[in-house]
Amino acid sequence: MASYATRSREELRIEAKKMIARYGELMQQGLKLDMSRGKPSKLQLDLVSDMLTVLTDPAECIIDGEDARNYGNLAGLKCAREYWADVLGCKPEQTFVGGNASLHLMHSLISWAYTHGLKESPRPWCNEKRVKFLCPSPGYDRHFRITESFGFELVTVPMTPYGPDMDIVEELVQDPLVKGIWCVPKYSNPQGYTYSDITVNRFANLKPAAPDFVIMWDNAYCVHEFDGEFEPFPDIISLCEAAGKPNMVYEFASTSKITFPGAGISVMASSVENIAHMTKLISAQTISYDKINQLRHVKYLKDKAHTIELMKRHATIMGPKFEMVLKMLRAQLTNKGIAHWHHPKGGYFVCVAAMPGTAKRTLELCKRCGVVLTPAGATYPYGVDPHDSMIRIAPSLPPIEELEKAMNVFCTSLRLAALERYLGMPLIED
């Protein structure tokens, strides 16, 4: 079928009449689906619930001469640091193991940079007249919210299929006011892009004007393939060290989408100097994190190889859901000239670039049909998508039967929003 842009006005009216009728039928389904966040499904939580009984004997809490039930080991149990070093490809002494949320560690790092300064800081960031932070976009809204909450000026950097536009990044970091950049290097949120080796090497070889410029390397989906075998990924920490900038990067990850989002363990990895600096600062706010949970995770996940095997089981649940989403997009939106998308191989999202000026309206129509998606604009700094185009779909939570219904709602709503733009009139009354 021809693109909407090449159809006559009468052909568009006929298409609109068909979509209005379909939308009316979908309204009668009475759906109540919240797909606004990338939450694991009940099936995924049940898949790993045997972890709850992996630690039952108090004697097992004594490990490496330490009692996991007691105070101490702020940077994490030795076995937990070794586990994360294995997963990320760094050294145990370069890791700091925290609680369930890597986002908490990211916020803590930015907070301490603001009040006390990083290892390389000539002064705390609160004493700077202005602080700028680079935000590859579309990106992760919670990253942007952290730096926005400290009053930083957020600077948008366009994303490409190979990662952030590095020509722009390399130019922007010549400004000494630019203190850092957010990155999701593997299966990026929301587009599912993986940074190329060239991009990763250009990051490691950045020459920023600010001596305390920091790469916030959120490797949230480091083992999260759902289509195909595990894809190895470069170790940014050793690359920065080789480039003579060992303190320029902090890497983050967690088990949120491996075990339990509300009861997992997280990690912050960097140079030994950086970890020592941050451990001293964090010691002012806590004595230690939940080491019993760290031990439970190590006993259950064991090592990187065993974790990857577990993720293959997750993939049997996630893969069909993503294929359902992509199948529906292909069936209902191909060749209409109103949307395009990337086929991710891992991660948690599908990002649809809709016709400019239609994202908000699409989501409004979805919500009226009982399907809630991530707010339009959320993938850009300050919640403002300059083209009102990007829409993030999180397929993980609903059962596949409900997901199919939700995608019917989404595709129909997007087509209606595009037809309204072409016809210059509302098709669904508020």
Foldseek 3Di string as FASTA:
>chain_A
DAAPVPDDLVVLVVVLVVLLVLLVVLLVVPAAAEFADQAFAPVLQVLFVVLVVLDDDLVLQQDPNDRLVDFDPAQADQLLLVQVCQLQVHDSLQKRKAWLDLLVVVLLVLVCQQVARFPQAPGRVVPDPAAEEEEEPLAALSVLVSCVVVVHHYDYFYADLQGTPLVVVLVVLQDQRYAEYEEQAALGPPAGHHHDPVRLLSVLQRDGPHRRRAYEHEPAWQLFFLADARDHDDNSQVSNVVNVRQARYKYKYWCVVQHNSVGTMMMIGGDSVRVVVSSVVCVVPDRHHNRVRSSSCCSSCVHNVSSSVSSNVVSVQVVVLLVLLVVLCCVQPPNNPFWDWDRHRGDFKTKIFGHFPQQQQLQVSLVSSNYHYHHFQSSDNPSDDPRSGIGIGGRRYDHSVVSNSSSSSNSSSSSQSVSCVVNVHHSDDD
